[in-house]
Amino acid sequence: MDFGVQVNVYRTQWSAVRASVEAMDAGDWDSVWFADHFIPPGGGGDDEQEAMTAFEGLAAIAMAAGMTKKLRLGNLVLGNTYRNPAHTAKIAGTIDTMSEGRFTLAIGAGWYQREHEAYGWDFPSMKERQDRFEEACELIRLLIRKNDPVDFDGAYYKLDHAQLSPGNYDNNNPIPIMVGGTGPKRTLRTLARFGDVMNLDGWAGGGMSLEHYQDKAAILERHCEDCGRDPSEIRRTLLMPCYLTEDKSLVERVIKGLGPGSVAGSKQYIIDRIGEFQEAGIAEIMFGGINSGDVDRLRMFEQEIVSAFR
């Protein structure tokens, strides 16, 4: 079992982000992840909220690559609607090369309408965003997996003899594509066709019960069967908001806010829950809910939780 942290890059200072990343690289962590939004989600158009920091995801991850030696790196997740996928693949190849093979390209269809309005980007219908996303994932996979120039003539994106250079740091271990989201009809089908990593997002409101994960995994496996893909090729991960606490009222608030099975409670409860997911095939957990700069809490999680699986 691998462990990472989604380090908060909203409403914070870079010095706090740096402190977390450096502590993780010096500790027993496997990966670090940043979100990717242009304004902090949840501001609702409030000028004061939207004026707070939101570090751009790819620039921040590239900086983290230069600060670290061993951590794998990625975003949870990049938005396709405000990124040209060929440009995204180009940046991914650059970061993967500079980090000596530590980058995961994690991308989703895009969901936060307000940031599109603020920055002047179109916010298409859900269907069109999914259509664009599926096409983007196909294009990105071609660029990453082919060593030859790529031609692509899609409804939304086109390539004319384009070659990714630099591309993968190691062509025997191409940049993994994480498909963000677990929508049953379109997103998990896109993952089955073009992705390498599944991630169940505990911030999305569906909770973090084992049954919730198993339902999503079963749908993914059906899509894999339909497209002739071996489901064991797809790595399974969780973004797990996690609260190590004995405060029963906090536990109740977490479950009410995030959904059934959300992980909040004692050390042993959290270890037991992670063990359930490990037995179900989860390969990595990314913890959420640890404030950037809170190095003491990072170390507590490392000593109390992570160490139980080493």
C-alpha atoms as a PDB file:
ATOM      1  CA  MET A   1       0.000   0.000   0.000  1.00  0.00           C
ATOM      2  CA  ASP A   2       1.319   3.426  -0.991  1.00  0.00           C
ATOM      3  CA  PHE A   3       0.404   6.653   0.780  1.00  0.00           C
ATOM      4  CA  GLY A   4       0.287  10.232  -0.406  1.00  0.00           C
ATOM      5  CA  VAL A   5      -1.285  13.534   0.590  1.00  0.00           C
ATOM      6  CA  GLN A   6      -3.295  16.072  -1.348  1.00  0.00           C
ATOM      7  CA  VAL A   7      -1.539  19.175  -0.078  1.00  0.00           C
ATOM      8  CA  ASN A   8      -3.856  22.175  -0.039  1.00  0.00           C
ATOM      9  CA  VAL A   9      -2.922  24.945  -2.490  1.00  0.00           C
ATOM     10  CA  TYR A  10      -5.917  27.231  -1.815  1.00  0.00           C
ATOM     11  CA  ARG A  11      -6.184  30.069   0.690  1.00  0.00           C
ATOM     12  CA  THR A  12      -2.627  29.441   1.839  1.00  0.00           C
ATOM     13  CA  GLN A  13       0.941  30.628   1.314  1.00  0.00           C
ATOM     14  CA  TRP A  14       3.621  28.919  -0.736  1.00  0.00           C
ATOM     15  CA  SER A  15       5.843  28.707   2.331  1.00  0.00           C
ATOM     16  CA  ALA A  16       3.223  26.436   3.927  1.00  0.00           C
ATOM     17  CA  VAL A  17       2.965  24.254   0.824  1.00  0.00           C
ATOM     18  CA  ARG A  18       6.747  24.020   0.652  1.00  0.00           C
ATOM     19  CA  ALA A  19       6.977  22.991   4.308  1.00  0.00           C
ATOM     20  CA  SER A  20       4.535  20.115   3.729  1.00  0.00           C
ATOM     21  CA  VAL A  21       6.232  18.900   0.561  1.00  0.00           C
ATOM     22  CA  GLU A  22       9.707  18.985   2.086  1.00  0.00           C
ATOM     23  CA  ALA A  23       8.519  17.135   5.207  1.00  0.00           C
ATOM     24  CA  MET A  24       6.892  14.459   3.055  1.00  0.00           C
ATOM     25  CA  ASP A  25       9.979  13.967   0.911  1.00  0.00           C
ATOM     26  CA  ALA A  26      12.074  13.569   4.057  1.00  0.00           C
ATOM     27  CA  GLY A  27       9.541  11.178   5.580  1.00  0.00           C
ATOM     28  CA  ASP A  28       7.947   7.860   4.686  1.00  0.00           C
ATOM     29  CA  TRP A  29       5.501   9.134   2.063  1.00  0.00           C
ATOM     30  CA  ASP A  30       5.166   7.964  -1.535  1.00  0.00           C
ATOM     31  CA  SER A  31       3.413  10.781  -3.389  1.00  0.00           C
ATOM     32  CA  VAL A  32       2.228  14.393  -3.251  1.00  0.00           C
ATOM     33  CA  TRP A  33      -0.785  15.815  -5.088  1.00  0.00           C
ATOM     34  CA  PHE A  34      -2.132  19.320  -5.735  1.00  0.00           C
ATOM     35  CA  ALA A  35      -5.592  20.327  -6.905  1.00  0.00           C
ATOM     36  CA  ASP A  36      -6.045  22.441 -10.037  1.00  0.00           C
ATOM     37  CA  HIS A  37      -8.403  25.418  -9.997  1.00  0.00           C
ATOM     38  CA  PHE A  38      -7.933  29.030 -10.952  1.00  0.00           C
ATOM     39  CA  ILE A  39      -9.979  30.381  -8.075  1.00  0.00           C
ATOM     40  CA  PRO A  40     -10.679  28.606  -4.767  1.00  0.00           C
ATOM     41  CA  PRO A  41     -13.811  26.460  -5.134  1.00  0.00           C
ATOM     42  CA  GLY A  42     -16.722  27.434  -2.966  1.00  0.00           C
ATOM     43  CA  GLY A  43     -16.308  31.195  -3.199  1.00  0.00           C
ATOM     44  CA  GLY A  44     -19.629  31.618  -4.986  1.00  0.00           C
ATOM     45  CA  GLY A  45     -18.564  34.810  -6.743  1.00  0.00           C
ATOM     46  CA  ASP A  46     -17.597  36.544  -3.497  1.00  0.00           C
ATOM     47  CA  ASP A  47     -14.763  38.994  -4.314  1.00  0.00           C
ATOM     48  CA  GLU A  48     -13.008  38.512  -0.996  1.00  0.00           C
ATOM     49  CA  GLN A  49     -13.027  34.710  -1.332  1.00  0.00           C
ATOM     50  CA  GLU A  50     -11.965  34.748  -4.964  1.00  0.00           C
ATOM     51  CA  ALA A  51      -9.062  37.064  -4.168  1.00  0.00           C
ATOM     52  CA  MET A  52      -7.497  34.368  -1.981  1.00  0.00           C
ATOM     53  CA  THR A  53      -4.627  32.323  -3.337  1.00  0.00           C
ATOM     54  CA  ALA A  54      -5.119  29.421  -5.721  1.00  0.00           C
ATOM     55  CA  PHE A  55      -1.760  28.227  -7.008  1.00  0.00           C
ATOM     56  CA  GLU A  56      -1.909  26.960 -10.584  1.00  0.00           C
ATOM     57  CA  GLY A  57      -1.653  23.192 -10.506  1.00  0.00           C
ATOM     58  CA  LEU A  58       0.958  22.320 -13.128  1.00  0.00           C
ATOM     59  CA  ALA A  59       3.315  25.154 -12.238  1.00  0.00           C
ATOM     60  CA  ALA A  60       3.080  24.130  -8.579  1.00  0.00           C
ATOM     61  CA  ILE A  61       3.779  20.452  -9.362  1.00  0.00           C
ATOM     62  CA  ALA A  62       6.758  21.393 -11.534  1.00  0.00           C
ATOM     63  CA  MET A  63       8.110  23.403  -8.606  1.00  0.00           C
ATOM     64  CA  ALA A  64       7.531  20.460  -6.279  1.00  0.00           C
ATOM     65  CA  ALA A  65       9.439  18.202  -8.683  1.00  0.00           C
ATOM     66  CA  GLY A  66      12.480  20.409  -8.237  1.00  0.00           C
ATOM     67  CA  MET A  67      12.113  20.368  -4.446  1.00  0.00           C
ATOM     68  CA  THR A  68      11.911  16.574  -4.068  1.00  0.00           C
ATOM     69  CA  LYS A  69      13.924  13.451  -4.772  1.00  0.00           C
ATOM     70  CA  LYS A  70      11.565  10.498  -4.315  1.00  0.00           C
ATOM     71  CA  LEU A  71       7.898  11.561  -4.195  1.00  0.00           C
ATOM     72  CA  ARG A  72       5.675  10.753  -7.139  1.00  0.00           C
ATOM     73  CA  LEU A  73       3.801  13.842  -8.293  1.00  0.00           C
ATOM     74  CA  GLY A  74       0.437  14.679  -9.764  1.00  0.00           C
ATOM     75  CA  ASN A  75      -2.729  16.777  -9.685  1.00  0.00           C
ATOM     76  CA  LEU A  76      -6.131  15.738  -8.369  1.00  0.00           C
ATOM     77  CA  VAL A  77      -7.140  16.567 -11.036  1.00  0.00           C
ATOM     78  CA  LEU A  78      -6.427  18.850 -14.016  1.00  0.00           C
ATOM     79  CA  GLY A  79      -9.453  20.313 -15.796  1.00  0.00           C
ATOM     80  CA  ASN A  80      -9.689  19.504 -19.497  1.00  0.00           C
ATOM     81  CA  THR A  81     -12.082  22.355 -20.289  1.00  0.00           C
ATOM     82  CA  TYR A  82      -9.430  25.025 -19.695  1.00  0.00           C
ATOM     83  CA  ARG A  83      -6.445  23.071 -21.043  1.00  0.00           C
ATOM     84  CA  ASN A  84      -5.626  22.003 -24.586  1.00  0.00           C
ATOM     85  CA  PRO A  85      -4.878  18.275 -24.187  1.00  0.00           C
ATOM     86  CA  ALA A  86      -1.868  18.293 -26.513  1.00  0.00           C
ATOM     87  CA  HIS A  87      -0.379  21.151 -24.489  1.00  0.00           C
ATOM     88  CA  THR A  88      -1.159  19.216 -21.305  1.00  0.00           C
ATOM     89  CA  ALA A  89       0.673  16.180 -22.696  1.00  0.00           C
ATOM     90  CA  LYS A  90       3.634  18.384 -23.627  1.00  0.00           C
ATOM     91  CA  ILE A  91       3.853  19.739 -20.084  1.00  0.00           C
ATOM     92  CA  ALA A  92       3.481  16.219 -18.700  1.00  0.00           C
ATOM     93  CA  GLY A  93       6.412  14.985 -20.768  1.00  0.00           C
ATOM     94  CA  THR A  94       8.525  17.876 -19.586  1.00  0.00           C
ATOM     95  CA  ILE A  95       7.721  17.326 -15.892  1.00  0.00           C
ATOM     96  CA  ASP A  96       8.171  13.557 -16.173  1.00  0.00           C
ATOM     97  CA  THR A  97      11.592  14.032 -17.736  1.00  0.00           C
ATOM     98  CA  MET A  98      12.702  16.665 -15.216  1.00  0.00           C
ATOM     99  CA  SER A  99      11.494  14.529 -12.288  1.00  0.00           C
ATOM    100  CA  GLU A 100      13.066  11.353 -13.712  1.00  0.00           C
ATOM    101  CA  GLY A 101       9.810   9.476 -14.176  1.00  0.00           C
ATOM    102  CA  ARG A 102       7.791  10.566 -11.144  1.00  0.00           C
ATOM    103  CA  PHE A 103       4.809  12.291 -12.797  1.00  0.00           C
ATOM    104  CA  THR A 104       1.210  11.040 -13.139  1.00  0.00           C
ATOM    105  CA  LEU A 105      -1.053  12.908 -15.549  1.00  0.00           C
ATOM    106  CA  ALA A 106      -4.414  13.080 -13.768  1.00  0.00           C
ATOM    107  CA  ILE A 107      -7.215  14.808 -15.668  1.00  0.00           C
ATOM    108  CA  GLY A 108     -10.968  15.271 -15.454  1.00  0.00           C
ATOM    109  CA  ALA A 109     -13.751  16.710 -17.586  1.00  0.00           C
ATOM    110  CA  GLY A 110     -14.042  19.981 -15.583  1.00  0.00           C
ATOM    111  CA  TRP A 111     -16.858  20.912 -13.252  1.00  0.00           C
ATOM    112  CA  TYR A 112     -16.448  24.327 -11.573  1.00  0.00           C
ATOM    113  CA  GLN A 113     -18.494  26.702 -13.670  1.00  0.00           C
ATOM    114  CA  ARG A 114     -17.528  29.880 -11.813  1.00  0.00           C
ATOM    115  CA  GLU A 115     -13.832  29.705 -12.740  1.00  0.00           C
ATOM    116  CA  HIS A 116     -14.817  29.384 -16.403  1.00  0.00           C
ATOM    117  CA  GLU A 117     -16.974  32.497 -16.117  1.00  0.00           C
ATOM    118  CA  ALA A 118     -14.239  34.403 -14.287  1.00  0.00           C
ATOM    119  CA  TYR A 119     -11.529  33.637 -16.852  1.00  0.00           C
ATOM    120  CA  GLY A 120     -13.651  33.732 -19.994  1.00  0.00           C
ATOM    121  CA  TRP A 121     -13.658  30.050 -20.895  1.00  0.00           C
ATOM    122  CA  ASP A 122     -16.655  28.268 -22.377  1.00  0.00           C
ATOM    123  CA  PHE A 123     -18.452  25.907 -20.020  1.00  0.00           C
ATOM    124  CA  PRO A 124     -20.202  23.420 -22.307  1.00  0.00           C
ATOM    125  CA  SER A 125     -23.000  21.055 -21.422  1.00  0.00           C
ATOM    126  CA  MET A 126     -22.176  17.946 -19.442  1.00  0.00           C
ATOM    127  CA  LYS A 127     -22.465  15.857 -22.616  1.00  0.00           C
ATOM    128  CA  GLU A 128     -20.044  18.039 -24.534  1.00  0.00           C
ATOM    129  CA  ARG A 129     -17.587  18.140 -21.639  1.00  0.00           C
ATOM    130  CA  GLN A 130     -17.640  14.344 -21.552  1.00  0.00           C
ATOM    131  CA  ASP A 131     -17.255  14.147 -25.341  1.00  0.00           C
ATOM    132  CA  ARG A 132     -14.284  16.506 -25.193  1.00  0.00           C
ATOM    133  CA  PHE A 133     -12.791  14.636 -22.263  1.00  0.00           C
ATOM    134  CA  GLU A 134     -13.001  11.236 -23.934  1.00  0.00           C
ATOM    135  CA  GLU A 135     -11.370  12.626 -27.063  1.00  0.00           C
ATOM    136  CA  ALA A 136      -8.702  14.387 -24.994  1.00  0.00           C
ATOM    137  CA  CYS A 137      -7.787  11.175 -23.173  1.00  0.00           C
ATOM    138  CA  GLU A 138      -7.481   9.310 -26.463  1.00  0.00           C
ATOM    139  CA  LEU A 139      -5.203  12.033 -27.883  1.00  0.00           C
ATOM    140  CA  ILE A 140      -3.035  12.188 -24.755  1.00  0.00           C
ATOM    141  CA  ARG A 141      -2.626   8.415 -24.673  1.00  0.00           C
ATOM    142  CA  LEU A 142      -1.515   8.378 -28.299  1.00  0.00           C
ATOM    143  CA  LEU A 143       1.083  11.074 -27.680  1.00  0.00           C
ATOM    144  CA  ILE A 144       2.425   9.349 -24.568  1.00  0.00           C
ATOM    145  CA  ARG A 145       2.428   5.794 -25.914  1.00  0.00           C
ATOM    146  CA  LYS A 146       3.679   6.311 -29.483  1.00  0.00           C
ATOM    147  CA  ASN A 147       7.300   7.094 -30.187  1.00  0.00           C
ATOM    148  CA  ASP A 148       6.403   8.260 -33.690  1.00  0.00           C
ATOM    149  CA  PRO A 149       4.618  11.428 -34.823  1.00  0.00           C
ATOM    150  CA  VAL A 150       0.852  11.373 -34.239  1.00  0.00           C
ATOM    151  CA  ASP A 151      -1.939  12.500 -36.559  1.00  0.00           C
ATOM    152  CA  PHE A 152      -5.342  12.979 -34.957  1.00  0.00           C
ATOM    153  CA  ASP A 153      -8.548  14.299 -36.478  1.00  0.00           C
ATOM    154  CA  GLY A 154     -11.186  14.553 -33.757  1.00  0.00           C
ATOM    155  CA  ALA A 155     -14.347  16.578 -33.425  1.00  0.00           C
ATOM    156  CA  TYR A 156     -12.650  18.972 -30.979  1.00  0.00           C
ATOM    157  CA  TYR A 157      -8.880  18.399 -31.193  1.00  0.00           C
ATOM    158  CA  LYS A 158      -6.456  17.824 -34.051  1.00  0.00           C
ATOM    159  CA  LEU A 159      -2.798  16.880 -34.427  1.00  0.00           C
ATOM    160  CA  ASP A 160      -0.689  17.115 -37.571  1.00  0.00           C
ATOM    161  CA  HIS A 161       2.378  14.880 -37.304  1.00  0.00           C
ATOM    162  CA  ALA A 162       2.937  15.872 -33.656  1.00  0.00           C
ATOM    163  CA  GLN A 163       5.599  14.136 -31.591  1.00  0.00           C
ATOM    164  CA  LEU A 164       6.029  14.379 -27.823  1.00  0.00           C
ATOM    165  CA  SER A 165       9.639  15.275 -27.107  1.00  0.00           C
ATOM    166  CA  PRO A 166      10.578  15.192 -24.338  1.00  0.00           C
ATOM    167  CA  GLY A 167       8.048  12.503 -23.585  1.00  0.00           C
ATOM    168  CA  ASN A 168       8.330   9.703 -21.081  1.00  0.00           C
ATOM    169  CA  TYR A 169      11.475   9.680 -18.998  1.00  0.00           C
ATOM    170  CA  ASP A 170      11.397   5.898 -19.466  1.00  0.00           C
ATOM    171  CA  ASN A 171       9.454   4.548 -22.437  1.00  0.00           C
ATOM    172  CA  ASN A 172       9.190   1.202 -20.663  1.00  0.00           C
ATOM    173  CA  ASN A 173       7.195   2.999 -17.949  1.00  0.00           C
ATOM    174  CA  PRO A 174       5.042   5.560 -19.768  1.00  0.00           C
ATOM    175  CA  ILE A 175       3.407   8.418 -17.900  1.00  0.00           C
ATOM    176  CA  PRO A 176       0.299   6.995 -16.183  1.00  0.00           C
ATOM    177  CA  ILE A 177      -3.022   8.623 -17.058  1.00  0.00           C
ATOM    178  CA  MET A 178      -5.391   8.961 -14.121  1.00  0.00           C
ATOM    179  CA  VAL A 179      -8.978   9.563 -15.224  1.00  0.00           C
ATOM    180  CA  GLY A 180     -10.656  11.782 -12.650  1.00  0.00           C
ATOM    181  CA  GLY A 181     -14.220  10.970 -11.661  1.00  0.00           C
ATOM    182  CA  THR A 182     -16.253   7.792 -11.430  1.00  0.00           C
ATOM    183  CA  GLY A 183     -19.388   8.578 -13.414  1.00  0.00           C
ATOM    184  CA  PRO A 184     -20.804   5.170 -14.375  1.00  0.00           C
ATOM    185  CA  LYS A 185     -21.777   5.726 -18.004  1.00  0.00           C
ATOM    186  CA  ARG A 186     -19.088   7.930 -19.526  1.00  0.00           C
ATOM    187  CA  THR A 187     -16.169   8.545 -17.151  1.00  0.00           C
ATOM    188  CA  LEU A 188     -15.516   4.939 -16.167  1.00  0.00           C
ATOM    189  CA  ARG A 189     -15.853   3.942 -19.825  1.00  0.00           C
ATOM    190  CA  THR A 190     -13.219   6.544 -20.719  1.00  0.00           C
ATOM    191  CA  LEU A 191     -11.003   5.118 -17.978  1.00  0.00           C
ATOM    192  CA  ALA A 192     -11.427   1.590 -19.321  1.00  0.00           C
ATOM    193  CA  ARG A 193     -10.470   2.705 -22.826  1.00  0.00           C
ATOM    194  CA  PHE A 194      -7.669   5.199 -22.213  1.00  0.00           C
ATOM    195  CA  GLY A 195      -6.687   5.378 -18.539  1.00  0.00           C
ATOM    196  CA  ASP A 196      -4.218   3.667 -16.247  1.00  0.00           C
ATOM    197  CA  VAL A 197      -5.358   4.795 -12.788  1.00  0.00           C
ATOM    198  CA  MET A 198      -8.774   4.959 -11.119  1.00  0.00           C
ATOM    199  CA  ASN A 199      -9.326   7.396  -8.273  1.00  0.00           C
ATOM    200  CA  LEU A 200     -12.408   7.488  -6.045  1.00  0.00           C
ATOM    201  CA  ASP A 201     -12.692  11.041  -4.710  1.00  0.00           C
ATOM    202  CA  GLY A 202     -13.969  11.269  -1.143  1.00  0.00           C
ATOM    203  CA  TRP A 203     -14.576  15.013  -1.495  1.00  0.00           C
ATOM    204  CA  ALA A 204     -17.178  14.401  -4.218  1.00  0.00           C
ATOM    205  CA  GLY A 205     -20.048  13.735  -1.802  1.00  0.00           C
ATOM    206  CA  GLY A 206     -20.602  10.027  -2.403  1.00  0.00           C
ATOM    207  CA  GLY A 207     -18.912   8.947   0.794  1.00  0.00           C
ATOM    208  CA  MET A 208     -16.086   6.465   1.304  1.00  0.00           C
ATOM    209  CA  SER A 209     -17.789   3.195   2.107  1.00  0.00           C
ATOM    210  CA  LEU A 210     -16.254  -0.037   0.875  1.00  0.00           C
ATOM    211  CA  GLU A 211     -19.536  -0.827  -0.890  1.00  0.00           C
ATOM    212  CA  HIS A 212     -19.384   2.496  -2.758  1.00  0.00           C
ATOM    213  CA  TYR A 213     -15.928   1.648  -4.082  1.00  0.00           C
ATOM    214  CA  GLN A 214     -16.922  -1.919  -4.960  1.00  0.00           C
ATOM    215  CA  ASP A 215     -19.933  -0.681  -6.945  1.00  0.00           C
ATOM    216  CA  LYS A 216     -17.706   1.649  -8.978  1.00  0.00           C
ATOM    217  CA  ALA A 217     -15.072  -1.067  -9.481  1.00  0.00           C
ATOM    218  CA  ALA A 218     -17.699  -3.504 -10.769  1.00  0.00           C
ATOM    219  CA  ILE A 219     -18.911  -0.943 -13.324  1.00  0.00           C
ATOM    220  CA  LEU A 220     -15.329  -0.306 -14.441  1.00  0.00           C
ATOM    221  CA  GLU A 221     -14.756  -4.017 -14.913  1.00  0.00           C
ATOM    222  CA  ARG A 222     -17.857  -4.286 -17.110  1.00  0.00           C
ATOM    223  CA  HIS A 223     -16.567  -1.431 -19.273  1.00  0.00           C
ATOM    224  CA  CYS A 224     -13.193  -3.167 -19.481  1.00  0.00           C
ATOM    225  CA  GLU A 225     -14.895  -6.357 -20.644  1.00  0.00           C
ATOM    226  CA  ASP A 226     -16.821  -4.406 -23.290  1.00  0.00           C
ATOM    227  CA  CYS A 227     -13.670  -2.850 -24.734  1.00  0.00           C
ATOM    228  CA  GLY A 228     -11.400  -5.873 -24.340  1.00  0.00           C
ATOM    229  CA  ARG A 229      -9.235  -4.426 -21.577  1.00  0.00           C
ATOM    230  CA  ASP A 230      -7.785  -6.430 -18.701  1.00  0.00           C
ATOM    231  CA  PRO A 231      -9.102  -4.591 -15.587  1.00  0.00           C
ATOM    232  CA  SER A 232      -6.010  -5.614 -13.622  1.00  0.00           C
ATOM    233  CA  GLU A 233      -4.040  -3.156 -15.778  1.00  0.00           C
ATOM    234  CA  ILE A 234      -5.815  -0.260 -14.046  1.00  0.00           C
ATOM    235  CA  ARG A 235      -4.372   0.819 -10.692  1.00  0.00           C
ATOM    236  CA  ARG A 236      -6.986   1.573  -8.011  1.00  0.00           C
ATOM    237  CA  THR A 237      -6.545   4.576  -5.700  1.00  0.00           C
ATOM    238  CA  LEU A 238      -8.572   6.642  -3.222  1.00  0.00           C
ATOM    239  CA  LEU A 239      -8.518  10.332  -2.348  1.00  0.00           C
ATOM    240  CA  MET A 240      -9.525   9.894   1.290  1.00  0.00           C
ATOM    241  CA  PRO A 241     -10.462  12.874   3.442  1.00  0.00           C
ATOM    242  CA  CYS A 242      -9.314  11.543   6.791  1.00  0.00           C
ATOM    243  CA  TYR A 243      -9.744  12.884  10.322  1.00  0.00           C
ATOM    244  CA  LEU A 244      -7.800  11.240  13.133  1.00  0.00           C
ATOM    245  CA  THR A 245      -9.937  12.206  16.111  1.00  0.00           C
ATOM    246  CA  GLU A 246     -11.793  10.979  19.184  1.00  0.00           C
ATOM    247  CA  ASP A 247     -14.289  13.851  18.889  1.00  0.00           C
ATOM    248  CA  LYS A 248     -17.643  12.183  18.162  1.00  0.00           C
ATOM    249  CA  SER A 249     -19.278  15.440  17.112  1.00  0.00           C
ATOM    250  CA  LEU A 250     -16.557  15.995  14.501  1.00  0.00           C
ATOM    251  CA  VAL A 251     -17.047  12.437  13.228  1.00  0.00           C
ATOM    252  CA  GLU A 252     -20.760  13.101  12.820  1.00  0.00           C
ATOM    253  CA  ARG A 253     -20.114  16.378  10.966  1.00  0.00           C
ATOM    254  CA  VAL A 254     -17.666  14.711   8.585  1.00  0.00           C
ATOM    255  CA  ILE A 255     -20.080  11.903   7.714  1.00  0.00           C
ATOM    256  CA  LYS A 256     -22.960  14.346   7.303  1.00  0.00           C
ATOM    257  CA  GLY A 257     -20.895  16.599   5.051  1.00  0.00           C
ATOM    258  CA  LEU A 258     -19.056  14.030   2.922  1.00  0.00           C
ATOM    259  CA  GLY A 259     -21.339  11.014   2.892  1.00  0.00           C
ATOM    260  CA  PRO A 260     -21.615   7.501   4.335  1.00  0.00           C
ATOM    261  CA  GLY A 261     -18.416   5.744   5.275  1.00  0.00           C
ATOM    262  CA  SER A 262     -16.303   8.900   5.299  1.00  0.00           C
ATOM    263  CA  VAL A 263     -13.202   8.208   7.359  1.00  0.00           C
ATOM    264  CA  ALA A 264     -13.088   9.933  10.734  1.00  0.00           C
ATOM    265  CA  GLY A 265     -12.312   8.369  14.083  1.00  0.00           C
ATOM    266  CA  SER A 266      -9.647   6.710  16.176  1.00  0.00           C
ATOM    267  CA  LYS A 267      -6.277   5.430  15.018  1.00  0.00           C
ATOM    268  CA  GLN A 268      -7.466   1.817  15.047  1.00  0.00           C
ATOM    269  CA  TYR A 269     -10.678   2.648  13.193  1.00  0.00           C
ATOM    270  CA  ILE A 270      -8.715   4.350  10.406  1.00  0.00           C
ATOM    271  CA  ILE A 271      -6.208   1.491  10.187  1.00  0.00           C
ATOM    272  CA  ASP A 272      -9.061  -1.014   9.974  1.00  0.00           C
ATOM    273  CA  ARG A 273     -10.808   0.962   7.231  1.00  0.00           C
ATOM    274  CA  ILE A 274      -7.627   1.235   5.176  1.00  0.00           C
ATOM    275  CA  GLY A 275      -7.063  -2.496   5.656  1.00  0.00           C
ATOM    276  CA  GLU A 276     -10.499  -3.186   4.162  1.00  0.00           C
ATOM    277  CA  PHE A 277      -9.643  -1.183   1.086  1.00  0.00           C
ATOM    278  CA  GLN A 278      -6.248  -2.825   0.787  1.00  0.00           C
ATOM    279  CA  GLU A 279      -7.909  -6.248   0.764  1.00  0.00           C
ATOM    280  CA  ALA A 280     -10.317  -4.967  -1.915  1.00  0.00           C
ATOM    281  CA  GLY A 281      -7.412  -4.093  -4.215  1.00  0.00           C
ATOM    282  CA  ILE A 282      -6.687  -0.448  -3.473  1.00  0.00           C
ATOM    283  CA  ALA A 283      -3.009   0.236  -4.201  1.00  0.00           C
ATOM    284  CA  GLU A 284      -2.700   3.795  -2.902  1.00  0.00           C
ATOM    285  CA  ILE A 285      -4.472   6.219  -0.599  1.00  0.00           C
ATOM    286  CA  MET A 286      -4.051   9.962  -0.851  1.00  0.00           C
ATOM    287  CA  PHE A 287      -5.099  11.623   2.383  1.00  0.00           C
ATOM    288  CA  GLY A 288      -7.061  14.861   2.246  1.00  0.00           C
ATOM    289  CA  GLY A 289      -7.892  17.313   5.003  1.00  0.00           C
ATOM    290  CA  ILE A 290      -4.370  17.952   6.344  1.00  0.00           C
ATOM    291  CA  ASN A 291      -3.724  21.689   6.203  1.00  0.00           C
ATOM    292  CA  SER A 292      -0.710  22.815   4.202  1.00  0.00           C
ATOM    293  CA  GLY A 293       2.143  23.659   6.546  1.00  0.00           C
ATOM    294  CA  ASP A 294       0.849  21.407   9.333  1.00  0.00           C
ATOM    295  CA  VAL A 295       4.017  19.336   9.499  1.00  0.00           C
ATOM    296  CA  ASP A 296       3.179  18.002  12.954  1.00  0.00           C
ATOM    297  CA  ARG A 297      -0.045  16.467  11.662  1.00  0.00           C
ATOM    298  CA  LEU A 298       1.739  14.979   8.672  1.00  0.00           C
ATOM    299  CA  ARG A 299       4.199  13.321  11.029  1.00  0.00           C
ATOM    300  CA  MET A 300       1.391  12.101  13.263  1.00  0.00           C
ATOM    301  CA  PHE A 301      -0.315  10.425  10.292  1.00  0.00           C
ATOM    302  CA  GLU A 302       3.004   8.963   9.223  1.00  0.00           C
ATOM    303  CA  GLN A 303       3.731   7.548  12.687  1.00  0.00           C
ATOM    304  CA  GLU A 304       0.202   6.483  13.652  1.00  0.00           C
ATOM    305  CA  ILE A 305      -1.297   5.311  10.356  1.00  0.00           C
ATOM    306  CA  VAL A 306       1.237   4.886   7.560  1.00  0.00           C
ATOM    307  CA  SER A 307       3.688   2.934   9.734  1.00  0.00           C
ATOM    308  CA  ALA A 308       1.021   0.258  10.358  1.00  0.00           C
ATOM    309  CA  PHE A 309       1.259  -0.758   6.680  1.00  0.00           C
ATOM    310  CA  ARG A 310       5.035  -0.750   6.260  1.00  0.00           C
END
